[in-house]
Amino acid sequence: MKRLNVAAFLLLCAASPALSASSPWFETPGGDVRLVTLPRAADGTVRAMLDIRLHDGWKTYWRDPGGSGIPPAVSISGAELKFIGFPAPRRLGDKETHYVGYDAPVRLPLTLDAKAGDGAITATVFLGVCKEICVPVQAQLTADASGEAFANPLEEVAIADAEASLPHGAGDGFKPLSGRFAADNKSISVRFEAPADGALPDVFLSGASSFEFGAAGPVRREGNVFVAEVPVLNKPKVYDLAKDPIRLTVRAGEKTMESPLAIE
């Protein structure tokens, strides 16, 4: 994948761990980040989120930046990371440089399994924030809700809002139909249904092993179906789409959908 040139590199390390349900805000030139956790449920599940508070004019990247940028990476100690969610992104950049991400504060909900531990949870985070320059940022964020019998209502609401911001699954009138690789394997033709009112939808592909995708070309209508051609920047030699499917994310106005894409 082609990456943005990094004009400045800041390797930042968090201060002392925070023995509370929220880590301290970790400040960066382009924004701040913190880890928020709720008390462990009876089955060991911990609901949490990575809270990214971007400064005005700064941006950060989605899980597949679309050809240039730094995809976020999160590793967890003190628990097992079972799920990380991403709200539907936006297409950013200019005619020369396209990428996929967020230009406003964003919260990434996490689901953790803490059966094997009952203390602090640490997230090691690597992400990029970008304005005139792109700044990769590394931080260690520690939170500990093990001593709390009840969740902080404000933190519980914030995590619930983060979970609610995720794209909905496929449904009637808003769903993937099929994907097909081009003969040269350099693109995928994606067919889907989406609400037809307003501007044409934005299409994003991600996931499945080390696949990497570029920004989709212009979406077109074919009857009641939308079609988009998505560049394939990297196609691994070995992959199993039955176990690790390609995911289609669509933004149609303020409505969003995400679902596995069946490849013909």
C-alpha atoms as a PDB file:
ATOM      1  CA  MET A   1       0.000   0.000   0.000  1.00  0.00           C
ATOM      2  CA  LYS A   2       1.223   3.447  -0.869  1.00  0.00           C
ATOM      3  CA  ARG A   3       1.552   5.510   2.304  1.00  0.00           C
ATOM      4  CA  LEU A   4       1.515   9.243   2.866  1.00  0.00           C
ATOM      5  CA  ASN A   5       4.944  10.771   3.283  1.00  0.00           C
ATOM      6  CA  VAL A   6       5.565  11.406   6.966  1.00  0.00           C
ATOM      7  CA  ALA A   7       6.929  14.878   7.455  1.00  0.00           C
ATOM      8  CA  ALA A   8       7.224  14.490  11.189  1.00  0.00           C
ATOM      9  CA  PHE A   9       7.393  11.451  13.429  1.00  0.00           C
ATOM     10  CA  LEU A  10       6.499  11.622  17.091  1.00  0.00           C
ATOM     11  CA  LEU A  11       6.853   8.523  19.211  1.00  0.00           C
ATOM     12  CA  LEU A  12       4.874   9.329  22.322  1.00  0.00           C
ATOM     13  CA  CYS A  13       4.531   7.297  25.489  1.00  0.00           C
ATOM     14  CA  ALA A  14       1.835   7.712  28.072  1.00  0.00           C
ATOM     15  CA  ALA A  15       2.590   8.744  31.593  1.00  0.00           C
ATOM     16  CA  SER A  16       1.856   6.584  34.621  1.00  0.00           C
ATOM     17  CA  PRO A  17      -1.120   4.214  34.340  1.00  0.00           C
ATOM     18  CA  ALA A  18      -4.461   5.453  35.582  1.00  0.00           C
ATOM     19  CA  LEU A  19      -6.136   3.316  38.215  1.00  0.00           C
ATOM     20  CA  SER A  20      -9.645   4.273  37.142  1.00  0.00           C
ATOM     21  CA  ALA A  21     -12.191   3.226  34.550  1.00  0.00           C
ATOM     22  CA  SER A  22     -10.794   5.828  32.140  1.00  0.00           C
ATOM     23  CA  SER A  23      -7.192   6.455  31.275  1.00  0.00           C
ATOM     24  CA  PRO A  24      -5.999  10.052  31.301  1.00  0.00           C
ATOM     25  CA  TRP A  25      -6.304  11.841  27.965  1.00  0.00           C
ATOM     26  CA  PHE A  26      -3.100  11.262  26.027  1.00  0.00           C
ATOM     27  CA  GLU A  27      -2.305  14.495  24.186  1.00  0.00           C
ATOM     28  CA  THR A  28      -0.886  14.600  20.659  1.00  0.00           C
ATOM     29  CA  PRO A  29      -0.314  17.483  18.235  1.00  0.00           C
ATOM     30  CA  GLY A  30      -3.477  16.627  16.299  1.00  0.00           C
ATOM     31  CA  GLY A  31      -5.773  15.314  18.973  1.00  0.00           C
ATOM     32  CA  ASP A  32      -6.122  13.407  22.212  1.00  0.00           C
ATOM     33  CA  VAL A  33      -6.904   9.766  22.908  1.00  0.00           C
ATOM     34  CA  ARG A  34      -8.033   7.780  25.944  1.00  0.00           C
ATOM     35  CA  LEU A  35      -9.235   4.291  26.879  1.00  0.00           C
ATOM     36  CA  VAL A  36     -12.574   3.918  28.680  1.00  0.00           C
ATOM     37  CA  THR A  37     -13.655   0.621  30.256  1.00  0.00           C
ATOM     38  CA  LEU A  38     -16.729  -0.545  32.145  1.00  0.00           C
ATOM     39  CA  PRO A  39     -16.734  -3.057  35.027  1.00  0.00           C
ATOM     40  CA  ARG A  40     -16.392  -6.669  33.974  1.00  0.00           C
ATOM     41  CA  ALA A  41     -19.641  -8.572  33.418  1.00  0.00           C
ATOM     42  CA  ALA A  42     -20.310 -11.942  35.066  1.00  0.00           C
ATOM     43  CA  ASP A  43     -19.129 -13.796  31.950  1.00  0.00           C
ATOM     44  CA  GLY A  44     -15.842 -11.870  31.852  1.00  0.00           C
ATOM     45  CA  THR A  45     -16.880  -9.502  29.057  1.00  0.00           C
ATOM     46  CA  VAL A  46     -15.686  -5.903  29.291  1.00  0.00           C
ATOM     47  CA  ARG A  47     -17.255  -3.188  27.158  1.00  0.00           C
ATOM     48  CA  ALA A  48     -14.780  -0.448  26.344  1.00  0.00           C
ATOM     49  CA  MET A  49     -13.905   2.178  23.775  1.00  0.00           C
ATOM     50  CA  LEU A  50     -11.001   4.049  22.289  1.00  0.00           C
ATOM     51  CA  ASP A  51     -11.984   7.723  22.432  1.00  0.00           C
ATOM     52  CA  ILE A  52     -10.211   9.840  19.773  1.00  0.00           C
ATOM     53  CA  ARG A  53     -10.734  13.576  20.212  1.00  0.00           C
ATOM     54  CA  LEU A  54      -9.401  15.183  17.029  1.00  0.00           C
ATOM     55  CA  HIS A  55      -8.430  18.848  16.993  1.00  0.00           C
ATOM     56  CA  ASP A  56      -9.992  21.146  14.375  1.00  0.00           C
ATOM     57  CA  GLY A  57      -8.676  20.464  10.892  1.00  0.00           C
ATOM     58  CA  TRP A  58      -7.030  17.140  11.781  1.00  0.00           C
ATOM     59  CA  LYS A  59      -8.033  13.722  10.483  1.00  0.00           C
ATOM     60  CA  THR A  60      -7.393  10.102  11.286  1.00  0.00           C
ATOM     61  CA  TYR A  61      -7.759   6.885   9.328  1.00  0.00           C
ATOM     62  CA  TRP A  62     -10.208   4.007   8.963  1.00  0.00           C
ATOM     63  CA  ARG A  63      -9.180   0.332   9.216  1.00  0.00           C
ATOM     64  CA  ASP A  64      -8.322   0.390   5.473  1.00  0.00           C
ATOM     65  CA  PRO A  65      -7.173   3.917   4.581  1.00  0.00           C
ATOM     66  CA  GLY A  66      -7.795   3.339   0.883  1.00  0.00           C
ATOM     67  CA  GLY A  67      -4.280   3.522  -0.551  1.00  0.00           C
ATOM     68  CA  SER A  68      -2.519   6.099   1.600  1.00  0.00           C
ATOM     69  CA  GLY A  69      -2.438   6.616   5.331  1.00  0.00           C
ATOM     70  CA  ILE A  70      -1.808   4.702   8.540  1.00  0.00           C
ATOM     71  CA  PRO A  71      -4.415   2.138   9.593  1.00  0.00           C
ATOM     72  CA  PRO A  72      -5.017   2.144  13.346  1.00  0.00           C
ATOM     73  CA  ALA A  73      -3.595  -0.732  15.378  1.00  0.00           C
ATOM     74  CA  VAL A  74      -4.736  -1.686  18.886  1.00  0.00           C
ATOM     75  CA  SER A  75      -3.325  -4.436  21.096  1.00  0.00           C
ATOM     76  CA  ILE A  76      -4.610  -5.252  24.570  1.00  0.00           C
ATOM     77  CA  SER A  77      -2.932  -6.625  27.698  1.00  0.00           C
ATOM     78  CA  GLY A  78      -4.870  -7.674  30.793  1.00  0.00           C
ATOM     79  CA  ALA A  79      -7.683  -8.958  28.569  1.00  0.00           C
ATOM     80  CA  GLU A  80      -8.283 -10.394  25.113  1.00  0.00           C
ATOM     81  CA  LEU A  81      -9.482  -8.133  22.321  1.00  0.00           C
ATOM     82  CA  LYS A  82     -12.518  -9.830  20.754  1.00  0.00           C
ATOM     83  CA  PHE A  83     -13.914  -6.988  18.652  1.00  0.00           C
ATOM     84  CA  ILE A  84     -13.116  -3.458  17.536  1.00  0.00           C
ATOM     85  CA  GLY A  85     -15.794  -1.470  15.753  1.00  0.00           C
ATOM     86  CA  PHE A  86     -15.411   1.343  13.239  1.00  0.00           C
ATOM     87  CA  PRO A  87     -18.146   3.832  12.326  1.00  0.00           C
ATOM     88  CA  ALA A  88     -18.624   4.246   8.586  1.00  0.00           C
ATOM     89  CA  PRO A  89     -15.805   6.507   7.314  1.00  0.00           C
ATOM     90  CA  ARG A  90     -15.756   9.339   4.811  1.00  0.00           C
ATOM     91  CA  ARG A  91     -13.762   9.833   1.642  1.00  0.00           C
ATOM     92  CA  LEU A  92     -11.118  12.495   2.357  1.00  0.00           C
ATOM     93  CA  GLY A  93      -8.190  14.168   0.613  1.00  0.00           C
ATOM     94  CA  ASP A  94      -8.018  15.847  -2.769  1.00  0.00           C
ATOM     95  CA  LYS A  95      -7.779  14.884  -6.452  1.00  0.00           C
ATOM     96  CA  GLU A  96      -4.156  13.789  -6.070  1.00  0.00           C
ATOM     97  CA  THR A  97      -4.383  11.986  -2.735  1.00  0.00           C
ATOM     98  CA  HIS A  98      -7.457  10.048  -1.683  1.00  0.00           C
ATOM     99  CA  TYR A  99      -7.830   8.317   1.634  1.00  0.00           C
ATOM    100  CA  VAL A 100     -10.556   7.022   3.916  1.00  0.00           C
ATOM    101  CA  GLY A 101     -11.093   8.069   7.516  1.00  0.00           C
ATOM    102  CA  TYR A 102     -12.609  10.579   9.898  1.00  0.00           C
ATOM    103  CA  ASP A 103     -12.456  14.380  10.070  1.00  0.00           C
ATOM    104  CA  ALA A 104     -14.249  14.700  13.406  1.00  0.00           C
ATOM    105  CA  PRO A 105     -13.876  13.090  16.849  1.00  0.00           C
ATOM    106  CA  VAL A 106     -14.570   9.369  16.704  1.00  0.00           C
ATOM    107  CA  ARG A 107     -15.100   6.596  19.250  1.00  0.00           C
ATOM    108  CA  LEU A 108     -14.156   2.991  18.480  1.00  0.00           C
ATOM    109  CA  PRO A 109     -16.096   0.519  20.669  1.00  0.00           C
ATOM    110  CA  LEU A 110     -14.176  -2.495  21.955  1.00  0.00           C
ATOM    111  CA  THR A 111     -15.339  -5.841  23.312  1.00  0.00           C
ATOM    112  CA  LEU A 112     -12.813  -7.502  25.615  1.00  0.00           C
ATOM    113  CA  ASP A 113     -12.650 -10.883  27.332  1.00  0.00           C
ATOM    114  CA  ALA A 114     -11.181 -10.478  30.813  1.00  0.00           C
ATOM    115  CA  LYS A 115     -11.925 -13.960  32.210  1.00  0.00           C
ATOM    116  CA  ALA A 116      -8.227 -14.548  32.834  1.00  0.00           C
ATOM    117  CA  GLY A 117      -7.639 -11.229  34.573  1.00  0.00           C
ATOM    118  CA  ASP A 118      -9.324  -9.006  37.096  1.00  0.00           C
ATOM    119  CA  GLY A 119      -7.165  -5.900  37.181  1.00  0.00           C
ATOM    120  CA  ALA A 120      -5.938  -3.133  34.932  1.00  0.00           C
ATOM    121  CA  ILE A 121      -6.339  -3.247  31.154  1.00  0.00           C
ATOM    122  CA  THR A 122      -3.781  -1.588  28.903  1.00  0.00           C
ATOM    123  CA  ALA A 123      -4.295  -0.663  25.249  1.00  0.00           C
ATOM    124  CA  THR A 124      -1.213  -0.082  23.120  1.00  0.00           C
ATOM    125  CA  VAL A 125      -2.413   2.153  20.311  1.00  0.00           C
ATOM    126  CA  PHE A 126      -0.771   3.166  17.060  1.00  0.00           C
ATOM    127  CA  LEU A 127      -2.639   5.547  14.795  1.00  0.00           C
ATOM    128  CA  GLY A 128      -2.022   8.399  12.414  1.00  0.00           C
ATOM    129  CA  VAL A 129      -3.380  11.923  12.622  1.00  0.00           C
ATOM    130  CA  CYS A 130      -2.962  14.207   9.670  1.00  0.00           C
ATOM    131  CA  LYS A 131      -3.235  17.857   8.693  1.00  0.00           C
ATOM    132  CA  GLU A 132      -0.499  19.445   6.581  1.00  0.00           C
ATOM    133  CA  ILE A 133       1.718  16.667   7.928  1.00  0.00           C
ATOM    134  CA  CYS A 134       0.980  13.104   8.957  1.00  0.00           C
ATOM    135  CA  VAL A 135       1.938  12.257  12.522  1.00  0.00           C
ATOM    136  CA  PRO A 136       2.069   8.600  13.591  1.00  0.00           C
ATOM    137  CA  VAL A 137       1.304   8.390  17.297  1.00  0.00           C
ATOM    138  CA  GLN A 138       1.947   5.572  19.749  1.00  0.00           C
ATOM    139  CA  ALA A 139       0.430   5.551  23.215  1.00  0.00           C
ATOM    140  CA  GLN A 140      -0.114   3.171  26.102  1.00  0.00           C
ATOM    141  CA  LEU A 141      -3.455   3.736  27.824  1.00  0.00           C
ATOM    142  CA  THR A 142      -4.323   1.994  31.096  1.00  0.00           C
ATOM    143  CA  ALA A 143      -7.731   1.808  32.772  1.00  0.00           C
ATOM    144  CA  ASP A 144      -8.902  -0.249  35.736  1.00  0.00           C
ATOM    145  CA  ALA A 145     -12.599  -0.639  36.510  1.00  0.00           C
ATOM    146  CA  SER A 146     -12.116  -3.788  38.607  1.00  0.00           C
ATOM    147  CA  GLY A 147     -12.721  -1.946  41.870  1.00  0.00           C
ATOM    148  CA  GLU A 148     -16.002  -0.429  40.742  1.00  0.00           C
ATOM    149  CA  ALA A 149     -19.274  -2.197  41.525  1.00  0.00           C
ATOM    150  CA  PHE A 150     -21.249  -0.007  39.125  1.00  0.00           C
ATOM    151  CA  ALA A 151     -20.428   1.664  35.831  1.00  0.00           C
ATOM    152  CA  ASN A 152     -19.990   5.415  35.726  1.00  0.00           C
ATOM    153  CA  PRO A 153     -23.234   6.578  34.032  1.00  0.00           C
ATOM    154  CA  LEU A 154     -21.424   9.064  31.788  1.00  0.00           C
ATOM    155  CA  GLU A 155     -18.937   6.426  30.632  1.00  0.00           C
ATOM    156  CA  GLU A 156     -21.703   3.877  30.101  1.00  0.00           C
ATOM    157  CA  VAL A 157     -23.648   6.332  27.941  1.00  0.00           C
ATOM    158  CA  ALA A 158     -20.506   7.248  25.975  1.00  0.00           C
ATOM    159  CA  ILE A 159     -19.773   3.592  25.189  1.00  0.00           C
ATOM    160  CA  ALA A 160     -23.410   2.928  24.293  1.00  0.00           C
ATOM    161  CA  ASP A 161     -23.277   5.915  21.906  1.00  0.00           C
ATOM    162  CA  ALA A 162     -20.073   4.533  20.353  1.00  0.00           C
ATOM    163  CA  GLU A 163     -21.743   1.166  19.819  1.00  0.00           C
ATOM    164  CA  ALA A 164     -24.822   2.845  18.322  1.00  0.00           C
ATOM    165  CA  SER A 165     -22.634   4.771  15.849  1.00  0.00           C
ATOM    166  CA  LEU A 166     -21.584   1.568  14.072  1.00  0.00           C
ATOM    167  CA  PRO A 167     -23.126   0.729  10.692  1.00  0.00           C
ATOM    168  CA  HIS A 168     -26.258  -1.392  10.726  1.00  0.00           C
ATOM    169  CA  GLY A 169     -26.288  -4.858   9.241  1.00  0.00           C
ATOM    170  CA  ALA A 170     -27.842  -5.677   5.890  1.00  0.00           C
ATOM    171  CA  GLY A 171     -31.596  -5.393   5.553  1.00  0.00           C
ATOM    172  CA  ASP A 172     -34.316  -5.038   2.961  1.00  0.00           C
ATOM    173  CA  GLY A 173     -33.365  -2.340   0.469  1.00  0.00           C
ATOM    174  CA  PHE A 174     -29.880  -1.814   1.922  1.00  0.00           C
ATOM    175  CA  LYS A 175     -27.673  -4.852   1.380  1.00  0.00           C
ATOM    176  CA  PRO A 176     -24.776  -6.263  -0.648  1.00  0.00           C
ATOM    177  CA  LEU A 177     -25.674  -8.380  -3.657  1.00  0.00           C
ATOM    178  CA  SER A 178     -22.399  -9.642  -5.079  1.00  0.00           C
ATOM    179  CA  GLY A 179     -18.741  -8.935  -5.765  1.00  0.00           C
ATOM    180  CA  ARG A 180     -16.671 -10.113  -8.696  1.00  0.00           C
ATOM    181  CA  PHE A 181     -12.938  -9.827  -9.318  1.00  0.00           C
ATOM    182  CA  ALA A 182     -11.887  -8.390 -12.657  1.00  0.00           C
ATOM    183  CA  ALA A 183     -10.023 -10.739 -14.973  1.00  0.00           C
ATOM    184  CA  ASP A 184      -6.708  -9.098 -14.028  1.00  0.00           C
ATOM    185  CA  ASN A 185      -7.572  -9.171 -10.271  1.00  0.00           C
ATOM    186  CA  LYS A 186      -6.918  -5.437 -10.047  1.00  0.00           C
ATOM    187  CA  SER A 187     -10.444  -4.469  -9.048  1.00  0.00           C
ATOM    188  CA  ILE A 188     -13.710  -5.820  -7.649  1.00  0.00           C
ATOM    189  CA  SER A 189     -17.070  -4.935  -9.162  1.00  0.00           C
ATOM    190  CA  VAL A 190     -19.505  -4.498  -6.269  1.00  0.00           C
ATOM    191  CA  ARG A 191     -23.287  -4.640  -6.672  1.00  0.00           C
ATOM    192  CA  PHE A 192     -25.581  -3.574  -3.835  1.00  0.00           C
ATOM    193  CA  GLU A 193     -28.943  -2.115  -2.925  1.00  0.00           C
ATOM    194  CA  ALA A 194     -29.144   1.178  -1.026  1.00  0.00           C
ATOM    195  CA  PRO A 195     -31.618   4.009  -0.396  1.00  0.00           C
ATOM    196  CA  ALA A 196     -32.036   5.857  -3.683  1.00  0.00           C
ATOM    197  CA  ASP A 197     -32.871   9.295  -2.271  1.00  0.00           C
ATOM    198  CA  GLY A 198     -30.143  11.932  -2.116  1.00  0.00           C
ATOM    199  CA  ALA A 199     -26.592  11.747  -3.434  1.00  0.00           C
ATOM    200  CA  LEU A 200     -25.024   8.543  -4.729  1.00  0.00           C
ATOM    201  CA  PRO A 201     -23.693   6.311  -1.933  1.00  0.00           C
ATOM    202  CA  ASP A 202     -20.036   6.018  -0.903  1.00  0.00           C
ATOM    203  CA  VAL A 203     -18.556   2.514  -1.010  1.00  0.00           C
ATOM    204  CA  PHE A 204     -15.703   1.091   1.078  1.00  0.00           C
ATOM    205  CA  LEU A 205     -14.175  -2.391   1.198  1.00  0.00           C
ATOM    206  CA  SER A 206     -12.018  -3.822   3.969  1.00  0.00           C
ATOM    207  CA  GLY A 207     -10.857  -6.936   5.670  1.00  0.00           C
ATOM    208  CA  ALA A 208     -10.003 -10.469   4.678  1.00  0.00           C
ATOM    209  CA  SER A 209      -6.385 -11.303   5.530  1.00  0.00           C
ATOM    210  CA  SER A 210      -3.963  -8.836   3.967  1.00  0.00           C
ATOM    211  CA  PHE A 211      -6.250  -7.552   1.224  1.00  0.00           C
ATOM    212  CA  GLU A 212      -5.870  -3.832   0.630  1.00  0.00           C
ATOM    213  CA  PHE A 213      -8.342  -1.741  -1.324  1.00  0.00           C
ATOM    214  CA  GLY A 214      -8.262   1.664  -2.937  1.00  0.00           C
ATOM    215  CA  ALA A 215     -10.945   4.329  -3.111  1.00  0.00           C
ATOM    216  CA  ALA A 216     -13.973   3.179  -5.089  1.00  0.00           C
ATOM    217  CA  GLY A 217     -14.656   4.732  -8.448  1.00  0.00           C
ATOM    218  CA  PRO A 218     -17.867   6.647  -9.175  1.00  0.00           C
ATOM    219  CA  VAL A 219     -20.964   4.722  -8.160  1.00  0.00           C
ATOM    220  CA  ARG A 220     -23.479   4.159 -10.951  1.00  0.00           C
ATOM    221  CA  ARG A 221     -27.053   2.929 -11.059  1.00  0.00           C
ATOM    222  CA  GLU A 222     -28.196  -0.055 -13.075  1.00  0.00           C
ATOM    223  CA  GLY A 223     -31.946  -0.174 -12.611  1.00  0.00           C
ATOM    224  CA  ASN A 224     -32.625  -0.636  -8.911  1.00  0.00           C
ATOM    225  CA  VAL A 225     -29.048  -1.698  -8.194  1.00  0.00           C
ATOM    226  CA  PHE A 226     -25.907   0.343  -7.478  1.00  0.00           C
ATOM    227  CA  VAL A 227     -22.543  -0.701  -8.915  1.00  0.00           C
ATOM    228  CA  ALA A 228     -19.020   0.445  -8.008  1.00  0.00           C
ATOM    229  CA  GLU A 229     -15.542  -0.613  -9.116  1.00  0.00           C
ATOM    230  CA  VAL A 230     -13.083  -0.831  -6.204  1.00  0.00           C
ATOM    231  CA  PRO A 231      -9.321  -1.072  -6.874  1.00  0.00           C
ATOM    232  CA  VAL A 232      -7.512  -4.035  -5.313  1.00  0.00           C
ATOM    233  CA  LEU A 233      -4.128  -2.743  -4.140  1.00  0.00           C
ATOM    234  CA  ASN A 234      -3.006  -6.052  -2.669  1.00  0.00           C
ATOM    235  CA  LYS A 235      -4.461  -9.532  -3.035  1.00  0.00           C
ATOM    236  CA  PRO A 236      -2.791 -12.184  -0.867  1.00  0.00           C
ATOM    237  CA  LYS A 237      -1.758 -15.463  -2.437  1.00  0.00           C
ATOM    238  CA  VAL A 238      -3.558 -17.451   0.262  1.00  0.00           C
ATOM    239  CA  TYR A 239      -6.909 -16.461   1.753  1.00  0.00           C
ATOM    240  CA  ASP A 240     -10.172 -18.044   2.885  1.00  0.00           C
ATOM    241  CA  LEU A 241     -13.151 -15.789   2.291  1.00  0.00           C
ATOM    242  CA  ALA A 242     -15.476 -18.281   3.976  1.00  0.00           C
ATOM    243  CA  LYS A 243     -13.675 -17.729   7.296  1.00  0.00           C
ATOM    244  CA  ASP A 244     -12.507 -14.152   6.776  1.00  0.00           C
ATOM    245  CA  PRO A 245     -14.837 -12.398   4.319  1.00  0.00           C
ATOM    246  CA  ILE A 246     -14.383  -9.094   2.593  1.00  0.00           C
ATOM    247  CA  ARG A 247     -16.660  -6.519   4.231  1.00  0.00           C
ATOM    248  CA  LEU A 248     -18.697  -3.957   2.337  1.00  0.00           C
ATOM    249  CA  THR A 249     -19.429  -0.661   4.093  1.00  0.00           C
ATOM    250  CA  VAL A 250     -21.806   1.814   2.442  1.00  0.00           C
ATOM    251  CA  ARG A 251     -22.730   5.346   3.439  1.00  0.00           C
ATOM    252  CA  ALA A 252     -25.955   6.651   1.869  1.00  0.00           C
ATOM    253  CA  GLY A 253     -26.423  10.116   3.308  1.00  0.00           C
ATOM    254  CA  GLU A 254     -26.546   9.578   7.070  1.00  0.00           C
ATOM    255  CA  LYS A 255     -27.601   5.937   6.704  1.00  0.00           C
ATOM    256  CA  THR A 256     -24.837   3.345   6.916  1.00  0.00           C
ATOM    257  CA  MET A 257     -24.622  -0.404   6.384  1.00  0.00           C
ATOM    258  CA  GLU A 258     -21.881  -3.004   6.772  1.00  0.00           C
ATOM    259  CA  SER A 259     -22.043  -6.656   5.799  1.00  0.00           C
ATOM    260  CA  PRO A 260     -19.873  -9.456   4.399  1.00  0.00           C
ATOM    261  CA  LEU A 261     -19.647  -9.375   0.600  1.00  0.00           C
ATOM    262  CA  ALA A 262     -20.264 -12.584  -1.297  1.00  0.00           C
ATOM    263  CA  ILE A 263     -17.668 -13.001  -4.055  1.00  0.00           C
ATOM    264  CA  GLU A 264     -18.816 -14.784  -7.190  1.00  0.00           C
END
